[in-house]
Amino acid sequence: MNKLVKKLAYITGAFLLLVIVLGLIYFFKFRSETQKMSPCPTQELASGLYSINDSFVNMYLVKDGDNYIAIDAGNDAVAIEKGLKQLQIDPSRVTTVLLTHSDADHTAALKLFRNAELRFSKEEEQMINGKTARAAGMHNSIDRKQYKLINDGETFVVGTTSVRGILTPGHTPGSMCYLVNNRWLFTGDALGLKHGKIVPFNDFFNMNTAQAVKSISNVTLLRRVELLLTGHYGCSDKFDKIAAEWDKEKR
């Protein structure tokens, strides 16, 4: 009996040690990858367009009359609340939140926008209803039971603002970019920016990088975009140029 107990203790100890080692490996890799990121500071980027810096991620707000549309909801509700105060934006004035995807670093401050309608792509619903795991044993969740789903290519109006959803699977199956008023393109984690060029997003965080790379062409065919706004790598006002460069390189 004592031998069996000792054997079980050794097995349990070895398992716990493995879990700790894997956890440390993930922690240091996560830290290494996020340190590569370069989000915009909290500021007004253009008339009626705002960014909030939340550690290694941005969320954005678009002014619509007296109200606002939020694109994503950050990594830390406290940091987002601080950013909103800095920009003098009342969270109760946010009427709609558009999620580019359902990862926790884009959804943490949803509770600040209780009055807002939540929308995201139809293909992303599998990430929050338990059908598709983000990783082994890990599922995404959101702090909201009611939401509306968006189809690929669907154009809809929020207040007086036109929004077109463009499906870009790869980072997650339902990752979606938003073209707002045919001017501003919000890409979430569909792509990154490096040395002024479009690059694939960090492979470590993608569910399917090969698919993510193909999906970039879903947005680089657009033209006359005034600002490209990413989730983690800041913004570019040279979208047409860098999109054409991407397309040329991938031919």
Protein backbone atom coordinates (compact mmCIF):
# COMPACT_ATOMS: atom_id res chain seq x y z
CA MET A 1 0.00 0.00 0.00
CA ASN A 2 2.80 2.40 0.90
CA LYS A 3 4.53 1.64 -2.39
CA LEU A 4 1.33 2.45 -4.29
CA VAL A 5 0.91 5.72 -2.40
CA LYS A 6 4.53 6.67 -3.11
CA LYS A 7 4.11 5.81 -6.77
CA LEU A 8 0.98 7.92 -7.04
CA ALA A 9 2.76 10.76 -5.23
CA TYR A 10 5.68 10.61 -7.70
CA ILE A 11 3.29 10.60 -10.68
CA THR A 12 1.31 13.51 -9.26
CA GLY A 13 4.49 15.44 -8.51
CA ALA A 14 5.87 14.82 -11.99
CA PHE A 15 2.59 15.96 -13.56
CA LEU A 16 2.50 19.15 -11.49
CA LEU A 17 6.12 19.86 -12.36
CA LEU A 18 5.32 19.43 -16.06
CA VAL A 19 2.38 21.81 -15.77
CA ILE A 20 4.57 24.41 -14.03
CA VAL A 21 7.32 24.09 -16.66
CA LEU A 22 4.85 24.40 -19.54
CA GLY A 23 3.23 27.38 -17.81
CA LEU A 24 6.58 29.13 -17.44
CA ILE A 25 7.46 28.44 -21.08
CA TYR A 26 4.13 29.92 -22.17
CA PHE A 27 4.53 32.94 -19.88
CA PHE A 28 7.98 33.85 -21.19
CA LYS A 29 6.95 33.26 -24.82
CA PHE A 30 3.83 35.38 -24.32
CA ARG A 31 5.91 38.15 -22.77
CA SER A 32 8.47 37.97 -25.57
CA GLU A 33 5.80 38.21 -28.28
CA THR A 34 3.87 41.05 -26.66
CA GLN A 35 7.07 43.06 -26.21
CA LYS A 36 7.35 43.16 -30.01
CA MET A 37 4.05 44.99 -30.25
CA SER A 38 3.71 48.75 -30.70
CA PRO A 39 0.15 50.03 -30.15
CA CYS A 40 -0.82 53.68 -30.57
CA PRO A 41 -0.90 55.94 -27.51
CA THR A 42 -4.24 57.07 -26.12
CA GLN A 43 -5.19 60.02 -28.31
CA GLU A 44 -7.51 61.51 -30.93
CA LEU A 45 -6.08 60.11 -34.16
CA ALA A 46 -8.31 62.13 -36.48
CA SER A 47 -11.46 64.15 -36.11
CA GLY A 48 -13.95 61.80 -34.45
CA LEU A 49 -11.51 58.86 -34.21
CA TYR A 50 -9.82 57.83 -30.95
CA SER A 51 -7.40 55.17 -29.76
CA ILE A 52 -6.95 53.84 -26.24
CA ASN A 53 -3.67 52.15 -25.34
CA ASP A 54 -4.19 49.23 -22.99
CA SER A 55 -0.76 47.76 -22.33
CA PHE A 56 0.03 45.90 -25.58
CA VAL A 57 -3.30 46.39 -27.37
CA ASN A 58 -5.47 49.17 -28.78
CA MET A 59 -9.20 49.62 -28.81
CA TYR A 60 -10.73 52.38 -30.92
CA LEU A 61 -13.77 54.65 -30.81
CA VAL A 62 -15.56 56.35 -33.69
CA LYS A 63 -17.75 59.36 -32.92
CA ASP A 64 -21.28 59.14 -34.30
CA GLY A 65 -23.15 62.34 -33.52
CA ASP A 66 -23.32 62.50 -29.71
CA ASN A 67 -22.53 58.79 -29.41
CA TYR A 68 -19.64 56.44 -30.09
CA ILE A 69 -18.91 53.10 -31.73
CA ALA A 70 -16.21 51.01 -30.07
CA ILE A 71 -14.01 48.63 -32.01
CA ASP A 72 -12.95 45.96 -29.50
CA ALA A 73 -12.87 46.40 -25.73
CA GLY A 74 -9.31 46.04 -24.53
CA ASN A 75 -7.34 43.81 -22.19
CA ASP A 76 -8.04 45.51 -18.84
CA ALA A 77 -11.29 47.24 -17.91
CA VAL A 78 -9.54 49.55 -15.43
CA ALA A 79 -7.06 50.73 -18.10
CA ILE A 80 -9.87 51.26 -20.60
CA GLU A 81 -11.88 53.27 -18.07
CA LYS A 82 -8.83 55.44 -17.43
CA GLY A 83 -8.36 55.97 -21.17
CA LEU A 84 -12.00 56.96 -21.61
CA LYS A 85 -11.66 59.55 -18.84
CA GLN A 86 -8.50 60.90 -20.46
CA LEU A 87 -10.40 61.33 -23.73
CA GLN A 88 -13.46 62.69 -21.87
CA ILE A 89 -15.70 60.00 -23.35
CA ASP A 90 -18.64 58.76 -21.30
CA PRO A 91 -18.88 54.95 -21.68
CA SER A 92 -22.68 55.20 -21.55
CA ARG A 93 -22.44 57.05 -24.89
CA VAL A 94 -21.03 53.94 -26.58
CA THR A 95 -24.01 52.53 -28.48
CA THR A 96 -22.28 49.67 -30.32
CA VAL A 97 -19.22 47.49 -29.77
CA LEU A 98 -17.77 45.73 -32.81
CA LEU A 99 -15.47 42.86 -31.89
CA THR A 100 -12.79 41.92 -34.39
CA HIS A 101 -12.63 38.58 -32.52
CA SER A 102 -13.33 37.16 -29.08
CA ASP A 103 -9.88 36.84 -27.46
CA ALA A 104 -9.70 38.14 -23.89
CA ASP A 105 -7.39 41.05 -24.75
CA HIS A 106 -10.13 42.47 -26.97
CA THR A 107 -13.16 41.90 -24.74
CA ALA A 108 -12.19 42.73 -21.13
CA ALA A 109 -14.01 46.07 -20.88
CA LEU A 110 -17.35 44.95 -22.33
CA LYS A 111 -18.86 45.44 -18.87
CA LEU A 112 -18.21 49.18 -19.18
CA PHE A 113 -20.54 49.35 -22.18
CA ARG A 114 -23.74 47.87 -20.77
CA ASN A 115 -25.89 50.14 -22.95
CA ALA A 116 -24.12 49.07 -26.13
CA GLU A 117 -25.22 46.56 -28.72
CA LEU A 118 -22.56 43.91 -29.31
CA ARG A 119 -21.75 42.66 -32.82
CA PHE A 120 -19.18 40.27 -34.25
CA SER A 121 -18.85 37.85 -37.15
CA LYS A 122 -21.12 34.85 -37.52
CA GLU A 123 -18.08 32.57 -37.79
CA GLU A 124 -16.72 33.77 -34.42
CA GLU A 125 -19.72 32.50 -32.46
CA GLN A 126 -18.13 29.03 -32.37
CA MET A 127 -15.36 30.48 -30.23
CA ILE A 128 -17.69 31.48 -27.39
CA ASN A 129 -20.35 28.75 -27.46
CA GLY A 130 -17.96 25.89 -26.67
CA LYS A 131 -17.79 24.40 -30.16
CA THR A 132 -14.21 25.45 -30.91
CA ALA A 133 -11.39 25.70 -28.36
CA ARG A 134 -8.86 28.54 -28.55
CA ALA A 135 -6.21 26.05 -27.45
CA ALA A 136 -6.20 22.68 -25.71
CA GLY A 137 -8.55 22.96 -22.76
CA MET A 138 -9.13 26.69 -23.24
CA HIS A 139 -12.25 28.38 -24.59
CA ASN A 140 -13.05 32.05 -25.17
CA SER A 141 -15.95 33.69 -23.40
CA ILE A 142 -17.60 37.10 -23.39
CA ASP A 143 -19.45 39.07 -20.74
CA ARG A 144 -22.66 39.28 -22.74
CA LYS A 145 -25.51 36.92 -23.63
CA GLN A 146 -27.17 39.09 -26.27
CA TYR A 147 -25.39 39.97 -29.50
CA LYS A 148 -25.84 40.30 -33.26
CA LEU A 149 -23.88 38.32 -35.85
CA ILE A 150 -22.36 39.81 -39.00
CA ASN A 151 -21.96 38.02 -42.33
CA ASP A 152 -18.86 38.33 -44.48
CA GLY A 153 -19.19 41.37 -46.74
CA GLU A 154 -22.25 42.67 -44.90
CA THR A 155 -22.68 46.43 -44.79
CA PHE A 156 -24.82 47.95 -42.06
CA VAL A 157 -25.44 51.35 -40.50
CA VAL A 158 -24.94 52.32 -36.87
CA GLY A 159 -26.54 55.70 -36.28
CA THR A 160 -25.20 57.61 -39.28
CA THR A 161 -22.04 55.51 -39.64
CA SER A 162 -21.59 52.92 -42.39
CA VAL A 163 -19.74 49.71 -41.48
CA ARG A 164 -18.66 46.86 -43.73
CA GLY A 165 -17.53 43.57 -42.21
CA ILE A 166 -14.74 41.68 -43.97
CA LEU A 167 -14.03 38.14 -42.78
CA THR A 168 -10.32 37.40 -42.26
CA PRO A 169 -10.07 33.93 -40.66
CA GLY A 170 -6.79 32.60 -39.34
CA HIS A 171 -6.04 34.34 -36.09
CA THR A 172 -9.39 32.90 -35.06
CA PRO A 173 -11.95 31.30 -37.41
CA GLY A 174 -14.20 34.35 -37.23
CA SER A 175 -11.73 37.22 -37.15
CA MET A 176 -13.29 40.19 -38.93
CA CYS A 177 -12.06 43.58 -40.12
CA TYR A 178 -14.30 46.64 -40.28
CA LEU A 179 -14.27 49.33 -42.95
CA VAL A 180 -15.95 52.39 -41.45
CA ASN A 181 -17.41 55.07 -43.74
CA ASN A 182 -15.11 53.73 -46.48
CA ARG A 183 -12.30 55.63 -44.72
CA TRP A 184 -10.96 53.76 -41.74
CA LEU A 185 -10.03 50.06 -41.74
CA PHE A 186 -9.88 48.32 -38.35
CA THR A 187 -8.07 44.99 -38.64
CA GLY A 188 -7.79 43.64 -35.10
CA ASP A 189 -5.22 40.83 -35.20
CA ALA A 190 -5.64 39.98 -38.87
CA LEU A 191 -2.24 41.52 -39.62
CA GLY A 192 0.65 43.51 -38.20
CA LEU A 193 2.82 46.42 -39.25
CA LYS A 194 6.62 46.32 -39.28
CA HIS A 195 8.95 48.97 -40.69
CA GLY A 196 5.95 50.55 -42.41
CA LYS A 197 4.90 47.33 -44.15
CA ILE A 198 2.05 44.89 -43.73
CA VAL A 199 3.21 41.62 -42.13
CA PRO A 200 1.42 38.52 -40.83
CA PHE A 201 0.38 38.61 -37.19
CA ASN A 202 2.48 36.74 -34.59
CA ASP A 203 2.38 33.04 -35.40
CA PHE A 204 2.42 32.18 -31.67
CA PHE A 205 -1.07 33.67 -31.25
CA ASN A 206 -2.64 32.50 -34.52
CA MET A 207 -4.85 29.44 -34.69
CA ASN A 208 -3.98 29.02 -38.39
CA THR A 209 -1.20 31.26 -39.71
CA ALA A 210 -1.35 29.92 -43.28
CA GLN A 211 -5.01 30.83 -43.44
CA ALA A 212 -4.33 34.19 -41.77
CA VAL A 213 -1.76 35.06 -44.45
CA LYS A 214 -4.27 34.22 -47.21
CA SER A 215 -6.91 36.31 -45.45
CA ILE A 216 -4.78 39.45 -45.56
CA SER A 217 -5.55 39.61 -49.28
CA ASN A 218 -9.24 39.97 -48.36
CA VAL A 219 -8.45 43.50 -47.21
CA THR A 220 -5.42 44.51 -49.28
CA LEU A 221 -7.63 44.62 -52.38
CA LEU A 222 -9.34 47.66 -50.88
CA ARG A 223 -8.25 51.10 -52.04
CA ARG A 224 -8.64 54.72 -50.94
CA VAL A 225 -8.46 53.75 -47.28
CA GLU A 226 -7.34 56.77 -45.26
CA LEU A 227 -6.17 54.93 -42.13
CA LEU A 228 -5.26 51.33 -41.34
CA LEU A 229 -5.74 50.67 -37.62
CA THR A 230 -4.39 47.42 -36.16
CA GLY A 231 -5.00 45.83 -32.79
CA HIS A 232 -1.37 45.72 -31.64
CA TYR A 233 0.87 47.43 -34.19
CA GLY A 234 -0.45 50.95 -34.44
CA CYS A 235 -1.73 52.73 -37.53
CA SER A 236 -0.71 53.65 -41.05
CA ASP A 237 -1.93 56.42 -43.35
CA LYS A 238 -0.28 54.74 -46.33
CA PHE A 239 -2.63 51.80 -46.69
CA ASP A 240 -3.00 51.92 -50.48
CA LYS A 241 0.78 51.84 -50.94
CA ILE A 242 1.54 49.06 -48.47
CA ALA A 243 -1.49 47.02 -49.58
CA ALA A 244 -0.27 47.15 -53.18
CA GLU A 245 3.20 46.11 -52.01
CA TRP A 246 1.74 43.11 -50.15
CA ASP A 247 -0.29 42.03 -53.18
CA LYS A 248 2.74 42.33 -55.45
CA GLU A 249 4.92 40.25 -53.11
CA LYS A 250 2.30 37.50 -52.85
CA ARG A 251 1.72 37.07 -56.59
